[in-house]
Structures are given as structure tokens and as C-alpha cells.
Amino acid sequence: MSQGTGSTGSSDAAIGGSEGAERCPFTGEGTLPLHRGPDRGEASAAELPWEQLRSQYGGLVPVEITPGVPGWLLLGYKENLQVLRDQTYFSADPRPWSPSGVPPARSGALNRDGDEHQRLRLPIVDALASVGTPQLVPAVERAAVHLIGLVESAGSADLIGDYAAPLPALILNELFGLPDSYGHLLADLTARLWSGDPARAEPAALAVRSYFEGLVARKRAEPGQDITSLILEHPHGLTDDEAVEALSLLWETGHEPTTHLIGNALLKLLEDPNVWTAYLGGTLTPEDFVDYVMWTDSPIRMLAGRYSTMDIRFAGARIRQGEPLLFGFASAHTDPSVSRGADDAIALAGNRSHLSWGAGAHRCPATAFTRELVRTAIDTVVDRMRGMVMAVESADLRWRASLSVHGLEELPVWFTPTGERDQRGERPEESRPEPVVTRWVRRRKRKPAGQGARYQAPLPRGGQPEDGAAKNGTPAPAAPARTAKPRPRRAAPRGTGARYQAPFAEETHTPDPLEQLLHTWRPRG
């Protein structure tokens, strides 16, 4: 098989994968090691010379993903697109090619093919389709306003750590059907997991797994109108383990890319006055603006995801069966064949052919969902943080040291502070004079004194009762005085029978695994 655009001048020997000695950077021929650098063994986050690599190697370059694990990095737009769409020669399932069944690098797709892939994918697709704009937008606005409210009185904030990073966790948690306290838990676990510190990431990874296992267990017992319950009730009948994997994938592939899509978009607005004016003036629609960011600053640079199903020749290289291929979105989006006008947001308006959402059977199922979330998140910040400007120069911003994720460590800004907070962090009510309230008192008429046989006649001045039976005005003889003896009071009998409820034994509440995780986890201080 021979496919792709081919190399511009390299021979098979020059790009023979694992046969040659490690060389390249940049480019001494041989393989390009991706596991060297400061970020947990990954390469530096500094821009790779994509143009130089394409000129030297053509549509793909041989790499060493981890020590001793060779692979291929796709450079050209056509090569990336073809591998994304082709399920005959390229598989997303690592199990036949990896002894452990674990991908050699982080993947962004459901690692299955064919009917099994559709069985696991459709519950996610249908659950996300049930979340319309009337449900999603209020959820995003509530979470966004809450996070902004925590910093609005200070007049300064980190738009990544204070806003873009925790926001997706709060929104997903609400759509999963859990209270906000679990959203803050998930946001904290996510920050620790992707902090780059193994001492923080390892326990956080176990806790994240416990979160999703507890979520599935709770929704099995108490289903509701939420994404989790819809996935569990889907006709495809996912097992608990499959549901945990589906929800984990939805979080993993949605949280970090969404965080840095928001962050990169806000940076574009703050850095470029023309983009800011076009966006706020309506010349650049939110949909076109998101696509512009995807073209120029996609949150995902590189992603693992395919394996060759047979020995083939592709783009001038000989690829062996089972060798992994990595998508190079950053290189594909700067390919001269598709990157005309890449620096002009208006020129790119309406161009949705970027590869950041994927393509083919594994295309991202949350495209419309993410667009609406990002648009609402950006508009809320722009609306509430008036006078927002960057607090540092662009050259002083720190980018994440990763070849896969393209995002900022922090985005410090200043803005006009609004509101005041007391020591508890609550917004005090404005002091207003007490209103004068006129109270109308309704007087009740006194009832007339009761008369008749039911009522006792008043006593005369002498203290003796008048005898109505006395005749001729003869007074009745005085009755001997009696001393009233107190009657012993008997205790009321204890109520029995159907009218009275027998006392219940006091019930003790046993927290479920998810509640235990919330109570035992110590959030970052």
C-alpha cells in the first residue's frame, strides 16, 4: 500500500523508524525522541520547528515515544486527516499491539473499533444530545458567576487557576447529577492530577477513579435526569465498569482541552486589540472565533490514537504492523497547503476544516456542547470583569511544558473591582435606612357575657348564691361549709392501639463511597 503526499527527499533508510540510531533534534536524521525534557520525561514545550521537520521528513517523522518504543508523528494535514478517517489500515485499539493493552501515549479517543466502539460510544452521544442550550447555558453561567464572585472584589485574578481550570469540573459535575461540593472536589483532584508533581498526581488519580465509581454506584441506586443516569439506562446496557470508563473518558477528554481552549481564547482577546474589537462588535461571531483559536492555538498539539493494522508504505515511509502513530495537529494546522491567512481571524471566519475536533468515526461527540460552553464562559468574563488587561507582558507568560497540551500555566489580569466582601467572603447587603412602616391594628369587639343555663349567675355581694327556688323572699338556710378534699390525680394511661405509633429505633446514616471520599479528601489550602 502506498498513500499520502510522500517525503520531499528522504529515503526509506533515513526514516527507518527504530532501525537507525537516535538523532534528529533538529534535524540530524534518525528518530526524534519525544520523551526527553522537563515535563515528566516529555519534550520541551518550546515550539518544534514544524516547517523544518516537514521539509526534512515530509508527511511524517519517526519518533521514540518512550524509551524503546518507536512510533511515527504525522506532520502533514492530509496525512493526519487520512489516518483519522481510515479504519481499515489504522486501528484505535491498542490491545492487539501492546502486551499490556495500554496505549504507549495519552489518547483522546475511545480505544475500540467497529461494533464494540459504537456500543460504547452511542450512550455518550445520546446523553450529550439530551443537554440542550436551555440546560447548559444556565449551568455554565452559575458556575462562572460563582468563580468570578470569589475574586471580583480583588481586582486581579488568574484566569486559568481561578476560572478556566475549575469551571469545566463544576459544570460536568452538575450535569453528572451531583451537588456543587463534589464539583469542587473534582476540580481540586484535576488540578493535582495534572500538576506535574507525582507526589500529588498519584493519590489524585486513585481519588478520581473513586469519584467515578461512587458516581455510578449512587446513580444505579438513585437515578435521575442527568447524564450519568442516561448512560446507565441506555439500551446498550453498559456494565458498571464500562460506565465508569465512559464517564472518565468524557471528563478526561473534555476537561483539560476545554480549560485551555478558554484560556487561549481569552489570551487572544487580551493580546490582539483587533480581535477584541471584532469579537465585541459582532464582526467575528463566537463560532468563528472558537474556530480561529482552534486553527492558531489549539489546546491539543499532539495526540496518540492509531496503530497500523499491517505492514504498509505510507507517506514514503515503511510502517510495520502495530506501530503507533501520533497526530500532529499543531503541524497540520501550519501546513502551507491549508494555512493561508492563518494569522487573520476574519480571513479564517467560517473555515471549520481544522482537525481539533477529530474526524471520522472517532470525531468528538461534544463539539456543539463545547462550543456553547466556551462561548458562555468567555462572554461572562468579558461582561463581568470590566476594564480587563493583562498583568504581565506576553513574553513573561509561562506555557505548560508538554508537547501534547498547549496551554498557559496562568493568565494574570487586572480589572475594575466590583462589590465588597466581609471576612466570611460573603457580599454584604447595602446599608439602607429602615423604612417607616404604618401598622394598622384591628380591634376586636368584645363578645357579650354569656347567659342561660350553661352559664353560672354572678354571686351577690354577700358571697351566697341566689336560690332560684326560694319563695316569698325568704332566704335559704346557709349550707354548712365544706372543705374540698383534693382528689388524687391518676397518671394518664399510655396510648395504645392503631392511633399511636410505636417508637422507632434510631437509624444511623451510612455514607456511600462517594460521600466518604468527599469527607476524607483534604482540599488544597
Protein backbone atom coordinates (compact mmCIF):
# COMPACT_ATOMS: atom_id res chain seq x y z
CA MET A 1 0.00 0.00 0.00
CA SER A 2 1.27 3.46 -0.78
CA GLN A 3 -0.60 6.51 0.45
CA GLY A 4 -0.05 10.14 1.45
CA THR A 5 1.86 13.01 -0.03
CA GLY A 6 5.23 11.39 0.42
CA SER A 7 8.57 12.68 1.60
CA THR A 8 10.20 15.61 -0.11
CA GLY A 9 13.54 13.96 -0.41
CA SER A 10 14.12 11.46 2.39
CA SER A 11 14.94 7.86 1.65
CA ASP A 12 13.49 4.88 3.49
CA ALA A 13 16.81 4.39 5.22
CA ALA A 14 16.72 7.90 6.56
CA ILE A 15 13.30 7.43 8.09
CA GLY A 16 13.51 3.81 9.01
CA GLY A 17 11.99 4.15 12.47
CA SER A 18 13.71 2.14 15.16
CA GLU A 19 16.43 0.78 12.88
CA GLY A 20 18.53 3.92 12.99
CA ALA A 21 20.33 5.49 15.91
CA GLU A 22 18.63 8.24 17.91
CA ARG A 23 19.42 11.54 16.33
CA CYS A 24 17.28 14.38 14.96
CA PRO A 25 16.98 17.45 17.17
CA PHE A 26 16.71 19.26 14.78
CA THR A 27 17.30 17.51 12.33
CA GLY A 28 20.25 15.22 12.34
CA GLU A 29 18.18 12.48 10.73
CA GLY A 30 17.16 9.35 12.61
CA THR A 31 14.36 9.34 15.18
CA LEU A 32 13.00 12.27 17.13
CA PRO A 33 12.93 11.45 20.89
CA LEU A 34 9.73 12.78 22.47
CA HIS A 35 10.48 11.56 25.98
CA ARG A 36 13.31 13.94 26.83
CA GLY A 37 12.63 17.16 28.67
CA PRO A 38 11.48 18.67 31.94
CA ASP A 39 7.85 17.58 31.98
CA ARG A 40 7.79 14.00 33.28
CA GLY A 41 10.12 12.87 30.57
CA GLU A 42 8.34 14.66 27.73
CA ALA A 43 9.97 17.00 25.28
CA SER A 44 10.15 20.69 25.91
CA ALA A 45 7.03 22.73 25.27
CA ALA A 46 9.02 25.13 23.10
CA GLU A 47 7.75 25.21 19.53
CA LEU A 48 9.04 22.36 17.46
CA PRO A 49 10.30 23.53 14.07
CA TRP A 50 7.35 22.11 12.17
CA GLU A 51 8.34 23.68 8.87
CA GLN A 52 11.87 22.31 9.15
CA LEU A 53 10.58 18.85 10.10
CA ARG A 54 8.15 18.80 7.17
CA SER A 55 10.87 19.95 4.81
CA GLN A 56 13.22 17.22 6.05
CA TYR A 57 10.85 14.29 6.52
CA GLY A 58 7.71 15.02 4.55
CA GLY A 59 4.34 13.88 5.86
CA LEU A 60 5.57 12.03 8.97
CA VAL A 61 8.66 11.70 11.13
CA PRO A 62 9.98 8.67 13.06
CA VAL A 63 9.93 9.23 16.81
CA GLU A 64 10.70 7.42 20.03
CA ILE A 65 7.59 7.87 22.19
CA THR A 66 9.08 6.39 25.35
CA PRO A 67 12.48 4.72 25.75
CA GLY A 68 12.48 1.70 23.47
CA VAL A 69 9.01 2.36 21.99
CA PRO A 70 9.22 3.62 18.39
CA GLY A 71 6.40 5.34 16.56
CA TRP A 72 5.50 7.93 13.96
CA LEU A 73 4.43 11.56 14.27
CA LEU A 74 2.12 12.74 11.50
CA LEU A 75 3.15 16.17 10.20
CA GLY A 76 1.03 16.94 7.13
CA TYR A 77 -2.62 17.94 7.11
CA LYS A 78 -3.56 15.26 4.56
CA GLU A 79 -1.67 12.56 6.45
CA ASN A 80 -3.40 13.42 9.72
CA LEU A 81 -6.83 13.54 8.10
CA GLN A 82 -6.35 10.25 6.26
CA VAL A 83 -5.30 8.35 9.38
CA LEU A 84 -8.21 9.87 11.34
CA ARG A 85 -10.72 8.60 8.77
CA ASP A 86 -9.23 5.25 7.76
CA GLN A 87 -10.34 2.34 9.95
CA THR A 88 -9.05 -0.35 7.61
CA TYR A 89 -5.32 0.28 7.86
CA PHE A 90 -5.27 2.18 11.17
CA SER A 91 -6.88 0.97 14.37
CA ALA A 92 -7.66 2.86 17.60
CA ASP A 93 -7.50 -0.33 19.68
CA PRO A 94 -4.07 -0.86 21.30
CA ARG A 95 -4.81 -4.35 22.67
CA PRO A 96 -3.59 -6.38 19.68
CA TRP A 97 -0.34 -4.40 19.50
CA SER A 98 0.54 -3.69 23.13
CA PRO A 99 1.22 -6.60 25.51
CA SER A 100 -0.37 -4.65 28.38
CA GLY A 101 -3.25 -3.31 26.31
CA VAL A 102 -2.33 0.21 27.44
CA PRO A 103 -1.60 2.91 24.85
CA PRO A 104 2.06 3.96 24.82
CA ALA A 105 0.98 7.60 24.93
CA ARG A 106 -2.08 9.52 26.03
CA SER A 107 -5.00 9.03 23.66
CA GLY A 108 -8.06 11.16 23.09
CA ALA A 109 -10.36 8.55 21.57
CA LEU A 110 -12.37 5.59 22.74
CA ASN A 111 -9.86 2.78 22.26
CA ARG A 112 -12.15 0.40 20.40
CA ASP A 113 -13.20 -0.20 16.80
CA GLY A 114 -16.23 -1.41 14.87
CA ASP A 115 -19.37 -2.61 16.62
CA GLU A 116 -17.78 -2.52 20.06
CA HIS A 117 -16.81 1.09 19.53
CA GLN A 118 -20.37 2.01 18.53
CA ARG A 119 -21.85 0.16 21.52
CA LEU A 120 -19.68 2.13 23.93
CA ARG A 121 -19.89 5.44 22.07
CA LEU A 122 -23.64 5.79 21.47
CA PRO A 123 -24.61 6.10 25.16
CA ILE A 124 -22.23 9.06 25.46
CA VAL A 125 -23.51 10.64 22.24
CA ASP A 126 -27.16 10.27 23.22
CA ALA A 127 -26.58 11.55 26.75
CA LEU A 128 -24.79 14.67 25.49
CA ALA A 129 -27.51 15.24 22.89
CA SER A 130 -30.04 15.49 25.72
CA VAL A 131 -28.23 18.54 27.14
CA GLY A 132 -29.63 21.44 25.16
CA THR A 133 -28.80 25.12 25.31
CA PRO A 134 -31.59 25.89 27.84
CA GLN A 135 -29.99 23.45 30.28
CA LEU A 136 -26.30 24.03 29.53
CA VAL A 137 -26.10 27.82 29.43
CA PRO A 138 -27.63 28.40 32.91
CA ALA A 139 -25.30 25.76 34.34
CA VAL A 140 -22.26 27.48 32.80
CA GLU A 141 -23.43 30.91 33.94
CA ARG A 142 -24.00 29.75 37.53
CA ALA A 143 -20.54 28.20 37.76
CA ALA A 144 -18.87 31.15 36.01
CA VAL A 145 -20.57 33.78 38.18
CA HIS A 146 -19.67 31.80 41.30
CA LEU A 147 -15.97 31.63 40.37
CA ILE A 148 -15.80 35.29 39.34
CA GLY A 149 -17.56 36.25 42.55
CA LEU A 150 -14.67 34.79 44.54
CA VAL A 151 -12.21 37.29 43.03
CA GLU A 152 -14.35 40.22 41.87
CA SER A 153 -13.55 42.39 44.89
CA ALA A 154 -9.78 41.96 44.48
CA GLY A 155 -9.49 43.49 41.02
CA SER A 156 -6.99 40.82 39.97
CA ALA A 157 -7.21 37.16 39.09
CA ASP A 158 -5.52 34.24 37.38
CA LEU A 159 -7.90 33.39 34.56
CA ILE A 160 -6.52 29.85 34.41
CA GLY A 161 -6.31 28.76 38.05
CA ASP A 162 -9.22 30.86 39.30
CA TYR A 163 -11.56 30.39 36.37
CA ALA A 164 -10.80 28.28 33.29
CA ALA A 165 -9.41 25.27 35.19
CA PRO A 166 -12.18 24.70 37.79
CA LEU A 167 -15.05 25.74 35.51
CA PRO A 168 -15.39 22.52 33.42
CA ALA A 169 -15.30 20.37 36.55
CA LEU A 170 -18.13 22.33 38.17
CA ILE A 171 -20.25 22.14 35.02
CA LEU A 172 -19.64 18.44 34.35
CA ASN A 173 -20.30 17.60 37.99
CA GLU A 174 -23.68 19.35 37.84
CA LEU A 175 -24.58 17.56 34.62
CA PHE A 176 -23.47 14.28 36.20
CA GLY A 177 -26.19 14.93 38.80
CA LEU A 178 -24.15 15.76 41.92
CA PRO A 179 -24.18 18.76 44.33
CA ASP A 180 -21.63 21.55 43.91
CA SER A 181 -19.44 20.29 46.75
CA TYR A 182 -18.46 17.32 44.58
CA GLY A 183 -17.67 19.69 41.72
CA HIS A 184 -15.10 21.50 43.86
CA LEU A 185 -13.72 18.08 44.80
CA LEU A 186 -13.37 17.09 41.14
CA ALA A 187 -11.77 20.44 40.27
CA ASP A 188 -9.20 20.02 43.04
CA LEU A 189 -8.42 16.43 42.02
CA THR A 190 -7.99 17.52 38.40
CA ALA A 191 -5.57 20.29 39.36
CA ARG A 192 -3.49 17.85 41.39
CA LEU A 193 -3.60 15.15 38.72
CA TRP A 194 -2.20 17.45 36.02
CA SER A 195 0.13 19.41 38.27
CA GLY A 196 3.24 17.56 37.06
CA ASP A 197 4.10 16.54 40.63
CA PRO A 198 3.98 12.72 41.03
CA ALA A 199 3.54 13.05 44.79
CA ARG A 200 0.27 14.91 44.19
CA ALA A 201 -0.81 13.21 40.97
CA GLU A 202 -0.71 9.57 42.11
CA PRO A 203 -3.17 9.86 45.04
CA ALA A 204 -5.33 12.18 42.95
CA ALA A 205 -5.58 9.55 40.18
CA LEU A 206 -6.86 6.99 42.68
CA ALA A 207 -9.34 9.50 44.08
CA VAL A 208 -10.64 10.38 40.60
CA ARG A 209 -11.28 6.70 39.97
CA SER A 210 -13.14 6.51 43.29
CA TYR A 211 -15.19 9.56 42.30
CA PHE A 212 -16.50 7.92 39.11
CA GLU A 213 -17.03 4.53 40.74
CA GLY A 214 -19.02 6.20 43.52
CA LEU A 215 -20.95 8.28 40.97
CA VAL A 216 -22.04 5.18 39.05
CA ALA A 217 -22.98 3.33 42.25
CA ARG A 218 -25.09 6.24 43.50
CA LYS A 219 -26.91 6.73 40.20
CA ARG A 220 -27.60 3.00 39.90
CA ALA A 221 -29.39 3.22 43.24
CA GLU A 222 -30.96 6.66 42.76
CA PRO A 223 -31.31 7.52 39.05
CA GLY A 224 -32.34 10.99 37.95
CA GLN A 225 -32.50 13.26 34.91
CA ASP A 226 -28.75 13.63 34.35
CA ILE A 227 -26.00 12.44 32.02
CA THR A 228 -24.92 9.60 34.31
CA SER A 229 -28.43 8.15 34.62
CA LEU A 230 -29.00 8.40 30.86
CA ILE A 231 -25.79 6.50 30.17
CA LEU A 232 -26.70 3.82 32.70
CA GLU A 233 -30.27 3.47 31.33
CA HIS A 234 -29.19 3.34 27.68
CA PRO A 235 -30.48 0.31 25.72
CA HIS A 236 -26.91 -0.78 25.03
CA GLY A 237 -26.71 -1.77 28.70
CA LEU A 238 -23.24 -0.74 29.82
CA THR A 239 -21.82 -2.53 32.82
CA ASP A 240 -20.69 -0.52 35.84
CA ASP A 241 -17.06 -0.75 34.75
CA GLU A 242 -17.93 0.34 31.20
CA ALA A 243 -19.99 3.26 32.54
CA VAL A 244 -17.08 4.31 34.76
CA GLU A 245 -14.77 4.24 31.74
CA ALA A 246 -17.25 6.21 29.60
CA LEU A 247 -17.69 8.95 32.21
CA SER A 248 -13.94 9.07 32.90
CA LEU A 249 -13.26 9.46 29.18
CA LEU A 250 -15.85 12.24 28.93
CA TRP A 251 -14.12 14.06 31.78
CA GLU A 252 -10.54 13.40 30.65
CA THR A 253 -11.03 14.38 27.02
CA GLY A 254 -13.30 17.30 27.89
CA HIS A 255 -11.83 18.97 30.94
CA GLU A 256 -8.24 19.88 30.09
CA PRO A 257 -8.83 20.76 26.40
CA THR A 258 -11.81 22.93 27.39
CA THR A 259 -9.77 24.64 30.09
CA HIS A 260 -7.05 25.66 27.67
CA LEU A 261 -9.45 26.47 24.84
CA ILE A 262 -11.00 29.06 27.18
CA GLY A 263 -7.57 30.23 28.34
CA ASN A 264 -6.09 30.50 24.84
CA ALA A 265 -9.20 32.31 23.59
CA LEU A 266 -9.04 34.86 26.42
CA LEU A 267 -5.35 35.40 25.68
CA LYS A 268 -6.19 36.10 22.03
CA LEU A 269 -8.71 38.74 23.08
CA LEU A 270 -6.32 40.40 25.51
CA GLU A 271 -3.31 40.34 23.19
CA ASP A 272 -4.88 41.50 19.94
CA PRO A 273 -7.00 44.69 20.02
CA ASN A 274 -8.29 43.97 16.52
CA VAL A 275 -9.65 40.58 17.57
CA TRP A 276 -11.15 42.14 20.73
CA THR A 277 -12.91 44.82 18.68
CA ALA A 278 -14.14 42.37 16.05
CA TYR A 279 -15.46 39.97 18.67
CA LEU A 280 -17.24 42.54 20.83
CA GLY A 281 -18.55 44.36 17.77
CA GLY A 282 -20.10 41.23 16.29
CA THR A 283 -17.91 41.19 13.18
CA LEU A 284 -16.32 37.99 14.49
CA THR A 285 -19.03 35.61 15.68
CA PRO A 286 -18.38 33.34 18.70
CA GLU A 287 -18.40 30.26 16.45
CA ASP A 288 -15.84 31.77 14.07
CA PHE A 289 -13.73 32.98 16.98
CA VAL A 290 -13.55 29.47 18.51
CA ASP A 291 -12.51 28.04 15.13
CA TYR A 292 -9.86 30.75 14.79
CA VAL A 293 -8.40 29.72 18.16
CA MET A 294 -8.52 26.07 17.12
CA TRP A 295 -6.51 26.89 13.99
CA THR A 296 -3.90 29.09 15.63
CA ASP A 297 -3.72 27.99 19.30
CA SER A 298 -5.40 24.61 19.55
CA PRO A 299 -5.31 23.26 23.13
CA ILE A 300 -4.07 19.90 21.80
CA ARG A 301 -0.80 19.87 19.86
CA MET A 302 -0.20 16.16 19.63
CA LEU A 303 -2.27 13.08 20.42
CA ALA A 304 -1.75 9.34 20.25
CA GLY A 305 -4.50 7.25 18.84
CA ARG A 306 -3.85 4.87 15.93
CA TYR A 307 -1.91 1.65 15.20
CA SER A 308 -1.04 0.21 11.85
CA THR A 309 -3.04 -2.99 11.22
CA MET A 310 -0.50 -4.34 8.70
CA ASP A 311 2.87 -3.60 7.15
CA ILE A 312 2.31 -0.69 4.78
CA ARG A 313 4.10 2.08 2.96
CA PHE A 314 2.58 5.41 3.92
CA ALA A 315 3.79 8.91 3.02
CA GLY A 316 7.06 7.49 1.72
CA ALA A 317 7.82 5.50 4.87
CA ARG A 318 7.67 1.81 5.70
CA ILE A 319 5.39 1.32 8.70
CA ARG A 320 5.27 -2.07 10.41
CA GLN A 321 2.18 -3.71 11.81
CA GLY A 322 1.29 -2.50 15.30
CA GLU A 323 3.49 0.61 15.27
CA PRO A 324 1.73 3.59 16.92
CA LEU A 325 1.02 6.83 15.08
CA LEU A 326 0.62 10.20 16.79
CA PHE A 327 -1.49 13.02 15.39
CA GLY A 328 0.40 16.28 14.99
CA PHE A 329 -2.40 18.85 14.96
CA ALA A 330 -0.05 21.80 15.51
CA SER A 331 1.95 20.80 12.44
CA ALA A 332 -1.13 20.02 10.34
CA HIS A 333 -2.66 23.44 11.03
CA THR A 334 0.52 25.18 9.85
CA ASP A 335 0.81 23.05 6.71
CA PRO A 336 1.20 25.51 3.77
CA SER A 337 -1.49 23.66 1.82
CA VAL A 338 -4.19 24.76 4.30
CA SER A 339 -2.72 27.59 6.39
CA ARG A 340 -3.32 30.54 4.05
CA GLY A 341 -4.43 33.56 6.05
CA ALA A 342 -3.84 31.76 9.35
CA ASP A 343 -2.97 34.99 11.14
CA ASP A 344 -6.16 36.79 10.15
CA ALA A 345 -9.23 35.96 12.22
CA ILE A 346 -11.61 37.48 9.67
CA ALA A 347 -9.98 35.58 6.80
CA LEU A 348 -10.45 32.30 8.68
CA ALA A 349 -14.10 33.05 9.52
CA GLY A 350 -16.26 30.12 8.53
CA ASN A 351 -13.30 27.76 7.99
CA ARG A 352 -14.15 24.72 10.13
CA SER A 353 -11.80 22.27 8.48
CA HIS A 354 -9.30 22.21 11.35
CA LEU A 355 -8.64 18.81 12.94
CA SER A 356 -9.01 19.77 16.60
CA TRP A 357 -12.41 18.03 16.84
CA GLY A 358 -11.07 14.94 15.10
CA ALA A 359 -12.66 13.30 12.06
CA GLY A 360 -14.27 10.06 11.03
CA ALA A 361 -15.85 7.53 13.38
CA HIS A 362 -13.97 8.88 16.39
CA ARG A 363 -14.87 12.53 15.88
CA CYS A 364 -15.50 14.37 19.16
CA PRO A 365 -19.17 13.84 20.16
CA ALA A 366 -19.24 17.02 22.26
CA THR A 367 -18.47 19.60 19.57
CA ALA A 368 -21.69 21.64 19.90
CA PHE A 369 -21.63 21.16 23.68
CA THR A 370 -18.09 22.55 23.97
CA ARG A 371 -18.74 25.47 21.62
CA GLU A 372 -21.69 26.63 23.73
CA LEU A 373 -19.78 26.16 26.97
CA VAL A 374 -16.73 28.12 25.76
CA ARG A 375 -18.84 30.92 24.27
CA THR A 376 -20.78 31.39 27.50
CA ALA A 377 -17.63 31.23 29.62
CA ILE A 378 -15.89 33.91 27.52
CA ASP A 379 -18.90 36.22 27.39
CA THR A 380 -19.38 36.00 31.16
CA VAL A 381 -15.78 37.02 31.85
CA VAL A 382 -15.88 39.90 29.36
CA ASP A 383 -19.18 41.13 30.79
CA ARG A 384 -18.29 40.96 34.49
CA MET A 385 -14.57 41.78 34.51
CA ARG A 386 -14.76 45.29 33.10
CA GLY A 387 -11.54 47.01 32.08
CA MET A 388 -9.67 43.69 31.94
CA VAL A 389 -5.98 43.90 30.95
CA MET A 390 -3.05 41.53 31.26
CA ALA A 391 -0.96 41.95 34.39
CA VAL A 392 2.27 40.78 32.70
CA GLU A 393 3.84 41.06 29.29
CA SER A 394 3.10 38.31 26.79
CA ALA A 395 6.75 37.28 26.79
CA ASP A 396 6.57 36.61 30.53
CA LEU A 397 3.69 34.13 30.31
CA ARG A 398 4.59 30.54 31.17
CA TRP A 399 3.28 27.78 28.91
CA ARG A 400 2.81 24.22 30.05
CA ALA A 401 5.88 22.08 29.47
CA SER A 402 4.13 19.49 27.34
CA LEU A 403 4.07 18.55 23.69
CA SER A 404 0.53 17.23 23.91
CA VAL A 405 -1.27 20.06 25.76
CA HIS A 406 -0.92 23.65 24.59
CA GLY A 407 -1.97 25.93 27.40
CA LEU A 408 -0.84 28.51 29.92
CA GLU A 409 0.22 27.84 33.49
CA GLU A 410 -1.53 31.05 34.50
CA LEU A 411 -3.03 34.15 32.89
CA PRO A 412 -2.87 37.03 35.42
CA VAL A 413 -5.13 40.01 34.72
CA TRP A 414 -6.26 43.25 36.34
CA PHE A 415 -9.79 44.56 36.11
CA THR A 416 -12.09 47.05 37.80
CA PRO A 417 -13.06 45.57 41.17
CA THR A 418 -16.76 45.33 41.94
CA GLY A 419 -18.59 44.66 45.19
CA GLU A 420 -17.24 44.27 48.70
CA ARG A 421 -16.82 41.23 50.87
CA ASP A 422 -16.82 40.70 54.58
CA GLN A 423 -14.40 38.40 56.34
CA ARG A 424 -16.50 35.36 55.58
CA GLY A 425 -16.35 36.10 51.87
CA GLU A 426 -20.00 36.98 51.66
CA ARG A 427 -21.25 40.07 49.94
CA PRO A 428 -22.89 42.37 52.47
CA GLU A 429 -26.19 43.98 51.70
CA GLU A 430 -26.10 47.69 51.02
CA SER A 431 -26.95 49.76 54.09
CA ARG A 432 -30.32 51.38 53.71
CA PRO A 433 -32.44 53.37 56.20
CA GLU A 434 -35.13 51.38 57.89
CA PRO A 435 -38.43 52.06 56.11
CA VAL A 436 -41.27 53.59 58.11
CA VAL A 437 -43.98 51.00 58.37
CA THR A 438 -47.54 52.04 59.35
CA ARG A 439 -49.22 49.21 61.22
CA TRP A 440 -53.00 49.04 61.32
CA VAL A 441 -54.32 47.33 64.42
CA ARG A 442 -57.71 45.76 64.09
CA ARG A 443 -59.68 45.95 67.33
CA ARG A 444 -61.89 43.01 68.07
CA LYS A 445 -65.35 43.62 69.58
CA ARG A 446 -65.86 42.17 72.99
CA LYS A 447 -68.44 39.44 73.00
CA PRO A 448 -71.46 39.85 75.29
CA ALA A 449 -71.45 37.94 78.55
CA GLY A 450 -72.87 34.50 78.22
CA GLN A 451 -76.35 33.92 79.52
CA GLY A 452 -78.62 30.96 80.04
CA ALA A 453 -78.48 27.68 81.87
CA ARG A 454 -74.97 26.93 80.62
CA TYR A 455 -73.55 29.94 82.43
CA GLN A 456 -73.34 30.50 86.18
CA ALA A 457 -75.10 33.59 87.55
CA PRO A 458 -72.91 36.17 89.23
CA LEU A 459 -72.55 35.94 93.00
CA PRO A 460 -74.14 38.63 95.19
CA ARG A 461 -72.09 40.88 97.37
CA GLY A 462 -72.54 38.59 100.35
CA GLY A 463 -70.94 35.81 98.57
CA GLN A 464 -74.00 33.48 98.79
CA PRO A 465 -75.58 32.15 95.68
CA GLU A 466 -79.12 33.11 94.95
CA ASP A 467 -81.58 30.21 95.13
CA GLY A 468 -83.99 30.47 92.29
CA ALA A 469 -86.35 28.07 94.14
CA ALA A 470 -86.81 30.39 97.20
CA LYS A 471 -90.24 31.75 97.55
CA ASN A 472 -91.77 34.80 99.19
CA GLY A 473 -88.36 36.40 99.53
CA THR A 474 -87.37 34.01 102.35
CA PRO A 475 -83.70 33.50 102.28
CA ALA A 476 -82.46 29.94 102.04
CA PRO A 477 -80.71 28.49 105.01
CA ALA A 478 -76.98 28.65 104.94
CA ALA A 479 -75.32 25.43 103.97
CA PRO A 480 -72.56 24.12 106.15
CA ALA A 481 -69.12 24.95 104.96
CA ARG A 482 -67.28 22.08 103.31
CA THR A 483 -63.61 21.68 102.87
CA ALA A 484 -62.86 20.35 99.42
CA LYS A 485 -60.58 17.35 99.52
CA PRO A 486 -58.06 17.21 96.74
CA ARG A 487 -58.60 14.28 94.50
CA PRO A 488 -55.57 12.19 93.73
CA ARG A 489 -54.57 12.62 90.10
CA ARG A 490 -54.01 9.48 88.22
CA ALA A 491 -51.39 9.30 85.52
CA ALA A 492 -52.85 9.17 82.06
CA PRO A 493 -52.67 5.69 80.61
CA ARG A 494 -50.05 5.21 77.90
CA GLY A 495 -51.59 5.38 74.47
CA THR A 496 -52.03 2.08 72.75
CA GLY A 497 -53.72 0.90 69.61
CA ALA A 498 -53.65 1.92 65.99
CA ARG A 499 -53.84 5.64 66.78
CA TYR A 500 -50.47 5.57 68.47
CA GLN A 501 -47.22 4.91 66.66
CA ALA A 502 -44.73 2.65 68.29
CA PRO A 503 -41.34 4.31 68.82
CA PHE A 504 -38.80 3.58 66.08
CA ALA A 505 -35.23 2.62 66.70
CA GLU A 506 -32.87 5.46 65.81
CA GLU A 507 -31.47 4.96 62.31
CA THR A 508 -27.79 5.55 61.62
CA HIS A 509 -26.76 7.04 58.26
CA THR A 510 -24.12 5.05 56.42
CA PRO A 511 -22.31 7.26 53.89
CA ASP A 512 -21.84 5.79 50.43
CA PRO A 513 -18.35 5.61 48.83
CA LEU A 514 -18.77 8.98 47.12
CA GLU A 515 -19.73 10.69 50.37
CA GLN A 516 -16.82 9.04 52.16
CA LEU A 517 -14.45 10.38 49.50
CA LEU A 518 -15.81 13.90 49.99
CA HIS A 519 -15.41 13.74 53.77
CA THR A 520 -11.92 12.24 53.77
CA TRP A 521 -10.35 14.27 50.96
CA ARG A 522 -8.36 17.27 52.08
CA PRO A 523 -8.62 20.08 49.52
CA ARG A 524 -5.59 22.16 48.73
CA GLY A 525 -5.02 25.07 51.03
